[in-house]
PDB file of N, CA and C in Angstrom:
ATOM      1  N   MET A   1      81.057 162.433  84.560  1.00  0.00           N
ATOM      2  CA  MET A   1      80.224 161.934  83.283  1.00  0.00           C
ATOM      3  C   MET A   1      81.110 162.001  82.098  1.00  0.00           C
ATOM      4  N   LYS A   2      82.207 162.849  82.128  1.00  0.00           N
ATOM      5  CA  LYS A   2      83.020 163.138  80.937  1.00  0.00           C
ATOM      6  C   LYS A   2      83.837 161.908  80.597  1.00  0.00           C
ATOM      7  N   LYS A   3      84.146 161.087  81.473  1.00  0.00           N
ATOM      8  CA  LYS A   3      84.916 159.748  81.281  1.00  0.00           C
ATOM      9  C   LYS A   3      84.106 158.830  80.516  1.00  0.00           C
ATOM     10  N   TYR A   4      82.805 158.921  80.421  1.00  0.00           N
ATOM     11  CA  TYR A   4      81.887 158.018  79.770  1.00  0.00           C
ATOM     12  C   TYR A   4      81.557 158.566  78.303  1.00  0.00           C
ATOM     13  N   LEU A   5      81.933 159.705  78.094  1.00  0.00           N
ATOM     14  CA  LEU A   5      81.560 160.105  76.626  1.00  0.00           C
ATOM     15  C   LEU A   5      81.916 159.345  75.587  1.00  0.00           C
ATOM     16  N   PRO A   6      83.058 158.616  75.475  1.00  0.00           N
ATOM     17  CA  PRO A   6      83.346 157.637  74.411  1.00  0.00           C
ATOM     18  C   PRO A   6      82.286 156.550  74.211  1.00  0.00           C
ATOM     19  N   ILE A   7      81.756 156.030  75.397  1.00  0.00           N
ATOM     20  CA  ILE A   7      80.705 155.034  75.269  1.00  0.00           C
ATOM     21  C   ILE A   7      79.400 155.690  74.906  1.00  0.00           C
ATOM     22  N   LEU A   8      79.065 156.862  75.611  1.00  0.00           N
ATOM     23  CA  LEU A   8      77.808 157.504  75.283  1.00  0.00           C
ATOM     24  C   LEU A   8      77.688 157.947  73.791  1.00  0.00           C
ATOM     25  N   ARG A   9      78.805 158.393  73.285  1.00  0.00           N
ATOM     26  CA  ARG A   9      78.848 158.879  71.873  1.00  0.00           C
ATOM     27  C   ARG A   9      78.477 157.821  70.834  1.00  0.00           C
ATOM     28  N   ASN A  10      78.826 156.523  71.278  1.00  0.00           N
ATOM     29  CA  ASN A  10      78.492 155.436  70.344  1.00  0.00           C
ATOM     30  C   ASN A  10      77.102 154.911  70.660  1.00  0.00           C
ATOM     31  N   SER A  11      76.373 155.375  71.533  1.00  0.00           N
ATOM     32  CA  SER A  11      75.015 154.835  71.905  1.00  0.00           C
ATOM     33  C   SER A  11      74.056 155.427  70.949  1.00  0.00           C
ATOM     34  N   PRO A  12      73.175 154.676  70.467  1.00  0.00           N
ATOM     35  CA  PRO A  12      72.100 155.117  69.410  1.00  0.00           C
ATOM     36  C   PRO A  12      71.221 156.348  70.030  1.00  0.00           C
ATOM     37  N   PHE A  13      71.125 156.287  71.325  1.00  0.00           N
ATOM     38  CA  PHE A  13      70.320 157.295  71.984  1.00  0.00           C
ATOM     39  C   PHE A  13      70.911 158.734  71.850  1.00  0.00           C
ATOM     40  N   PHE A  14      72.264 158.835  71.830  1.00  0.00           N
ATOM     41  CA  PHE A  14      72.869 160.112  71.621  1.00  0.00           C
ATOM     42  C   PHE A  14      73.419 160.293  70.301  1.00  0.00           C
ATOM     43  N   LYS A  15      73.165 159.481  69.363  1.00  0.00           N
ATOM     44  CA  LYS A  15      73.668 159.582  68.001  1.00  0.00           C
ATOM     45  C   LYS A  15      73.528 161.010  67.395  1.00  0.00           C
ATOM     46  N   GLY A  16      74.550 161.616  66.907  1.00  0.00           N
ATOM     47  CA  GLY A  16      74.444 162.860  66.173  1.00  0.00           C
ATOM     48  C   GLY A  16      74.668 164.037  67.125  1.00  0.00           C
ATOM     49  N   LEU A  17      74.788 163.769  68.400  1.00  0.00           N
ATOM     50  CA  LEU A  17      75.010 164.857  69.374  1.00  0.00           C
ATOM     51  C   LEU A  17      76.473 165.209  69.546  1.00  0.00           C
ATOM     52  N   THR A  18      76.772 166.391  69.936  1.00  0.00           N
ATOM     53  CA  THR A  18      78.134 166.667  70.191  1.00  0.00           C
ATOM     54  C   THR A  18      78.395 166.353  71.730  1.00  0.00           C
ATOM     55  N   ASP A  19      79.706 166.204  72.116  1.00  0.00           N
ATOM     56  CA  ASP A  19      79.937 165.940  73.539  1.00  0.00           C
ATOM     57  C   ASP A  19      79.270 166.911  74.380  1.00  0.00           C
ATOM     58  N   ASN A  20      79.227 168.241  74.112  1.00  0.00           N
ATOM     59  CA  ASN A  20      78.713 169.305  74.975  1.00  0.00           C
ATOM     60  C   ASN A  20      77.130 169.015  75.040  1.00  0.00           C
ATOM     61  N   GLU A  21      76.514 168.647  73.913  1.00  0.00           N
ATOM     62  CA  GLU A  21      75.099 168.381  73.906  1.00  0.00           C
ATOM     63  C   GLU A  21      74.846 167.091  74.781  1.00  0.00           C
ATOM     64  N   ILE A  22      75.530 166.092  74.704  1.00  0.00           N
ATOM     65  CA  ILE A  22      75.327 164.959  75.495  1.00  0.00           C
ATOM     66  C   ILE A  22      75.457 165.379  77.005  1.00  0.00           C
ATOM     67  N   LEU A  23      76.508 166.045  77.368  1.00  0.00           N
ATOM     68  CA  LEU A  23      76.693 166.519  78.837  1.00  0.00           C
ATOM     69  C   LEU A  23      75.539 167.416  79.143  1.00  0.00           C
ATOM     70  N   SER A  24      75.003 168.253  78.243  1.00  0.00           N
ATOM     71  CA  SER A  24      73.813 169.133  78.605  1.00  0.00           C
ATOM     72  C   SER A  24      72.594 168.225  78.939  1.00  0.00           C
ATOM     73  N   VAL A  25      72.402 167.208  78.007  1.00  0.00           N
ATOM     74  CA  VAL A  25      71.207 166.394  78.333  1.00  0.00           C
ATOM     75  C   VAL A  25      71.289 165.675  79.635  1.00  0.00           C
ATOM     76  N   LEU A  26      72.526 165.069  79.883  1.00  0.00           N
ATOM     77  CA  LEU A  26      72.817 164.370  81.236  1.00  0.00           C
ATOM     78  C   LEU A  26      72.524 165.328  82.391  1.00  0.00           C
ATOM     79  N   HIS A  27      72.997 166.607  82.229  1.00  0.00           N
ATOM     80  CA  HIS A  27      72.714 167.557  83.175  1.00  0.00           C
ATOM     81  C   HIS A  27      71.179 167.838  83.546  1.00  0.00           C
ATOM     82  N   CYS A  28      70.555 168.037  82.434  1.00  0.00           N
ATOM     83  CA  CYS A  28      69.107 168.293  82.445  1.00  0.00           C
ATOM     84  C   CYS A  28      68.301 167.284  83.144  1.00  0.00           C
ATOM     85  N   VAL A  29      68.629 165.980  82.939  1.00  0.00           N
ATOM     86  CA  VAL A  29      67.907 164.893  83.479  1.00  0.00           C
ATOM     87  C   VAL A  29      68.505 164.390  84.743  1.00  0.00           C
ATOM     88  N   ASN A  30      69.519 165.222  85.398  1.00  0.00           N
ATOM     89  CA  ASN A  30      70.038 164.818  86.623  1.00  0.00           C
ATOM     90  C   ASN A  30      70.631 163.429  86.615  1.00  0.00           C
ATOM     91  N   ALA A  31      71.361 163.124  85.591  1.00  0.00           N
ATOM     92  CA  ALA A  31      71.947 161.823  85.463  1.00  0.00           C
ATOM     93  C   ALA A  31      72.914 161.468  86.529  1.00  0.00           C
ATOM     94  N   THR A  32      72.868 160.260  87.034  1.00  0.00           N
ATOM     95  CA  THR A  32      73.699 159.893  88.129  1.00  0.00           C
ATOM     96  C   THR A  32      74.262 158.475  87.679  1.00  0.00           C
ATOM     97  N   ILE A  33      75.436 158.072  88.321  1.00  0.00           N
ATOM     98  CA  ILE A  33      76.063 156.847  88.156  1.00  0.00           C
ATOM     99  C   ILE A  33      75.808 155.904  89.376  1.00  0.00           C
ATOM    100  N   ILE A  34      75.375 154.735  89.036  1.00  0.00           N
ATOM    101  CA  ILE A  34      75.191 153.729  90.091  1.00  0.00           C
ATOM    102  C   ILE A  34      75.817 152.573  89.790  1.00  0.00           C
ATOM    103  N   SER A  35      76.297 151.763  90.775  1.00  0.00           N
ATOM    104  CA  SER A  35      76.879 150.409  90.474  1.00  0.00           C
ATOM    105  C   SER A  35      76.129 149.504  91.196  1.00  0.00           C
ATOM    106  N   LYS A  36      75.918 148.239  90.631  1.00  0.00           N
ATOM    107  CA  LYS A  36      75.279 147.242  91.154  1.00  0.00           C
ATOM    108  C   LYS A  36      76.221 145.984  91.516  1.00  0.00           C
ATOM    109  N   GLU A  37      75.970 145.257  92.525  1.00  0.00           N
ATOM    110  CA  GLU A  37      76.665 144.088  92.877  1.00  0.00           C
ATOM    111  C   GLU A  37      76.363 143.002  91.881  1.00  0.00           C
ATOM    112  N   ARG A  38      77.285 142.189  91.497  1.00  0.00           N
ATOM    113  CA  ARG A  38      77.036 140.927  90.739  1.00  0.00           C
ATOM    114  C   ARG A  38      75.883 140.090  91.358  1.00  0.00           C
ATOM    115  N   ASN A  39      74.984 139.677  90.358  1.00  0.00           N
ATOM    116  CA  ASN A  39      73.859 138.851  90.732  1.00  0.00           C
ATOM    117  C   ASN A  39      72.758 139.673  91.584  1.00  0.00           C
ATOM    118  N   SER A  40      72.814 140.894  91.479  1.00  0.00           N
ATOM    119  CA  SER A  40      71.706 141.678  92.122  1.00  0.00           C
ATOM    120  C   SER A  40      70.666 142.222  91.169  1.00  0.00           C
ATOM    121  N   TYR A  41      69.548 142.592  91.487  1.00  0.00           N
ATOM    122  CA  TYR A  41      68.463 143.049  90.732  1.00  0.00           C
ATOM    123  C   TYR A  41      68.581 144.530  90.378  1.00  0.00           C
ATOM    124  N   ILE A  42      68.243 144.794  89.110  1.00  0.00           N
ATOM    125  CA  ILE A  42      68.120 146.157  88.718  1.00  0.00           C
ATOM    126  C   ILE A  42      66.570 146.563  89.031  1.00  0.00           C
ATOM    127  N   PHE A  43      65.770 145.778  88.394  1.00  0.00           N
ATOM    128  CA  PHE A  43      64.259 145.911  88.386  1.00  0.00           C
ATOM    129  C   PHE A  43      63.764 144.510  88.485  1.00  0.00           C
ATOM    130  N   ARG A  44      62.554 144.422  89.077  1.00  0.00           N
ATOM    131  CA  ARG A  44      61.761 143.110  89.114  1.00  0.00           C
ATOM    132  C   ARG A  44      60.583 143.432  88.407  1.00  0.00           C
ATOM    133  N   ALA A  45      59.886 142.312  87.900  1.00  0.00           N
ATOM    134  CA  ALA A  45      58.626 142.469  87.166  1.00  0.00           C
ATOM    135  C   ALA A  45      57.651 143.121  87.897  1.00  0.00           C
ATOM    136  N   GLY A  46      56.863 144.005  87.534  1.00  0.00           N
ATOM    137  CA  GLY A  46      55.921 144.772  88.297  1.00  0.00           C
ATOM    138  C   GLY A  46      56.493 146.096  88.992  1.00  0.00           C
ATOM    139  N   ASP A  47      57.792 146.274  88.990  1.00  0.00           N
ATOM    140  CA  ASP A  47      58.216 147.509  89.609  1.00  0.00           C
ATOM    141  C   ASP A  47      57.900 148.674  88.644  1.00  0.00           C
ATOM    142  N   SER A  48      57.548 149.712  89.319  1.00  0.00           N
ATOM    143  CA  SER A  48      57.334 150.895  88.461  1.00  0.00           C
ATOM    144  C   SER A  48      58.565 151.797  88.597  1.00  0.00           C
ATOM    145  N   THR A  49      58.905 152.554  87.677  1.00  0.00           N
ATOM    146  CA  THR A  49      60.072 153.474  87.838  1.00  0.00           C
ATOM    147  C   THR A  49      59.792 154.615  86.833  1.00  0.00           C
ATOM    148  N   GLU A  50      60.455 155.769  87.287  1.00  0.00           N
ATOM    149  CA  GLU A  50      60.416 157.056  86.551  1.00  0.00           C
ATOM    150  C   GLU A  50      61.828 157.435  85.977  1.00  0.00           C
ATOM    151  N   VAL A  51      62.645 156.344  85.871  1.00  0.00           N
ATOM    152  CA  VAL A  51      64.200 156.563  85.334  1.00  0.00           C
ATOM    153  C   VAL A  51      64.381 155.695  84.273  1.00  0.00           C
ATOM    154  N   MET A  52      65.380 156.114  83.489  1.00  0.00           N
ATOM    155  CA  MET A  52      65.880 155.298  82.432  1.00  0.00           C
ATOM    156  C   MET A  52      67.383 155.045  82.713  1.00  0.00           C
ATOM    157  N   GLY A  53      67.848 153.896  82.259  1.00  0.00           N
ATOM    158  CA  GLY A  53      69.337 153.671  82.534  1.00  0.00           C
ATOM    159  C   GLY A  53      69.986 153.067  81.391  1.00  0.00           C
ATOM    160  N   LEU A  54      71.305 153.328  81.355  1.00  0.00           N
ATOM    161  CA  LEU A  54      72.150 152.785  80.278  1.00  0.00           C
ATOM    162  C   LEU A  54      73.312 151.998  81.004  1.00  0.00           C
ATOM    163  N   VAL A  55      73.555 150.833  80.620  1.00  0.00           N
ATOM    164  CA  VAL A  55      74.605 149.903  81.100  1.00  0.00           C
ATOM    165  C   VAL A  55      75.869 150.359  80.501  1.00  0.00           C
ATOM    166  N   LEU A  56      76.839 150.937  81.227  1.00  0.00           N
ATOM    167  CA  LEU A  56      78.044 151.299  80.830  1.00  0.00           C
ATOM    168  C   LEU A  56      79.178 150.323  80.711  1.00  0.00           C
ATOM    169  N   SER A  57      79.086 149.363  81.627  1.00  0.00           N
ATOM    170  CA  SER A  57      80.077 148.229  81.690  1.00  0.00           C
ATOM    171  C   SER A  57      79.383 147.112  82.347  1.00  0.00           C
ATOM    172  N   GLY A  58      79.874 145.963  82.025  1.00  0.00           N
ATOM    173  CA  GLY A  58      79.358 144.804  82.536  1.00  0.00           C
ATOM    174  C   GLY A  58      78.170 144.273  81.437  1.00  0.00           C
ATOM    175  N   CYS A  59      77.366 143.437  82.166  1.00  0.00           N
ATOM    176  CA  CYS A  59      76.257 143.082  81.249  1.00  0.00           C
ATOM    177  C   CYS A  59      75.085 142.693  82.042  1.00  0.00           C
ATOM    178  N   VAL A  60      73.949 142.659  81.394  1.00  0.00           N
ATOM    179  CA  VAL A  60      72.622 142.417  82.095  1.00  0.00           C
ATOM    180  C   VAL A  60      71.898 141.139  81.600  1.00  0.00           C
ATOM    181  N   LEU A  61      71.442 140.399  82.528  1.00  0.00           N
ATOM    182  CA  LEU A  61      70.641 139.176  82.149  1.00  0.00           C
ATOM    183  C   LEU A  61      69.203 139.588  82.504  1.00  0.00           C
ATOM    184  N   VAL A  62      68.414 139.433  81.360  1.00  0.00           N
ATOM    185  CA  VAL A  62      66.867 139.670  81.571  1.00  0.00           C
ATOM    186  C   VAL A  62      66.306 138.399  81.550  1.00  0.00           C
ATOM    187  N   ILE A  63      65.511 138.139  82.591  1.00  0.00           N
ATOM    188  CA  ILE A  63      64.790 136.809  82.818  1.00  0.00           C
ATOM    189  C   ILE A  63      63.271 137.154  82.754  1.00  0.00           C
ATOM    190  N   GLN A  64      62.571 136.369  82.008  1.00  0.00           N
ATOM    191  CA  GLN A  64      61.225 136.287  81.974  1.00  0.00           C
ATOM    192  C   GLN A  64      60.621 135.070  82.323  1.00  0.00           C
ATOM    193  N   GLU A  65      59.780 134.976  83.329  1.00  0.00           N
ATOM    194  CA  GLU A  65      59.226 133.743  83.826  1.00  0.00           C
ATOM    195  C   GLU A  65      57.756 133.674  83.480  1.00  0.00           C
ATOM    196  N   ASP A  66      57.213 132.573  83.099  1.00  0.00           N
ATOM    197  CA  ASP A  66      55.818 132.502  82.988  1.00  0.00           C
ATOM    198  C   ASP A  66      55.143 132.027  84.317  1.00  0.00           C
ATOM    199  N   LEU A  67      53.841 131.758  84.177  1.00  0.00           N
ATOM    200  CA  LEU A  67      53.062 131.387  85.347  1.00  0.00           C
ATOM    201  C   LEU A  67      53.633 130.128  86.106  1.00  0.00           C
ATOM    202  N   TRP A  68      54.243 129.242  85.372  1.00  0.00           N
ATOM    203  CA  TRP A  68      54.700 127.993  85.891  1.00  0.00           C
ATOM    204  C   TRP A  68      56.190 128.041  86.272  1.00  0.00           C
ATOM    205  N   GLY A  69      56.720 129.133  86.178  1.00  0.00           N
ATOM    206  CA  GLY A  69      58.173 129.289  86.620  1.00  0.00           C
ATOM    207  C   GLY A  69      59.181 129.083  85.513  1.00  0.00           C
ATOM    208  N   THR A  70      58.651 128.835  84.284  1.00  0.00           N
ATOM    209  CA  THR A  70      59.635 128.481  83.191  1.00  0.00           C
ATOM    210  C   THR A  70      60.371 129.759  82.800  1.00  0.00           C
ATOM    211  N   SER A  71      61.572 129.771  82.623  1.00  0.00           N
ATOM    212  CA  SER A  71      62.331 131.079  82.342  1.00  0.00           C
ATOM    213  C   SER A  71      62.764 131.168  80.938  1.00  0.00           C
ATOM    214  N   LYS A  72      62.797 132.364  80.474  1.00  0.00           N
ATOM    215  CA  LYS A  72      63.483 132.620  79.167  1.00  0.00           C
ATOM    216  C   LYS A  72      64.538 133.744  79.531  1.00  0.00           C
ATOM    217  N   TYR A  73      65.755 133.519  79.015  1.00  0.00           N
ATOM    218  CA  TYR A  73      66.816 134.324  79.288  1.00  0.00           C
ATOM    219  C   TYR A  73      67.331 135.131  78.054  1.00  0.00           C
ATOM    220  N   SER A  74      67.762 136.446  78.127  1.00  0.00           N
ATOM    221  CA  SER A  74      68.369 137.264  77.266  1.00  0.00           C
ATOM    222  C   SER A  74      69.531 137.941  77.923  1.00  0.00           C
ATOM    223  N   VAL A  75      70.645 137.905  77.286  1.00  0.00           N
ATOM    224  CA  VAL A  75      71.838 138.556  77.791  1.00  0.00           C
ATOM    225  C   VAL A  75      72.009 139.824  76.995  1.00  0.00           C
ATOM    226  N   LYS A  76      71.968 140.947  77.586  1.00  0.00           N
ATOM    227  CA  LYS A  76      72.272 142.176  77.064  1.00  0.00           C
ATOM    228  C   LYS A  76      73.565 142.731  77.313  1.00  0.00           C
ATOM    229  N   MET A  77      74.374 142.934  76.337  1.00  0.00           N
ATOM    230  CA  MET A  77      75.691 143.425  76.518  1.00  0.00           C
ATOM    231  C   MET A  77      75.949 144.733  76.021  1.00  0.00           C
ATOM    232  N   PRO A  78      76.523 145.802  76.796  1.00  0.00           N
ATOM    233  CA  PRO A  78      76.756 147.048  76.258  1.00  0.00           C
ATOM    234  C   PRO A  78      78.061 147.217  75.450  1.00  0.00           C
ATOM    235  N   TYR A  79      78.216 148.486  74.875  1.00  0.00           N
ATOM    236  CA  TYR A  79      79.459 148.831  74.334  1.00  0.00           C
ATOM    237  C   TYR A  79      80.533 148.733  75.303  1.00  0.00           C
ATOM    238  N   ARG A  80      81.693 148.430  74.806  1.00  0.00           N
ATOM    239  CA  ARG A  80      82.817 148.365  75.749  1.00  0.00           C
ATOM    240  C   ARG A  80      83.963 149.378  75.134  1.00  0.00           C
TER     241      ARG A  80
END
């Protein structure tokens, strides 16, 4: 996790925390690093989850579809 500290330090979620405090928070919540293949889903509408995630590299495309299948897209890009 230490290699991600420069990114995490700039995240609004960890604003004002020291590196040791950030690492402590990550340890307390059993933070893990996962990788996803390009064009794979992170979550689908209706999925329930008990986790929170931060995108550390790459980007995320959020798609919202209405009842008729019309899509609205938002691209979310993380800090690099």
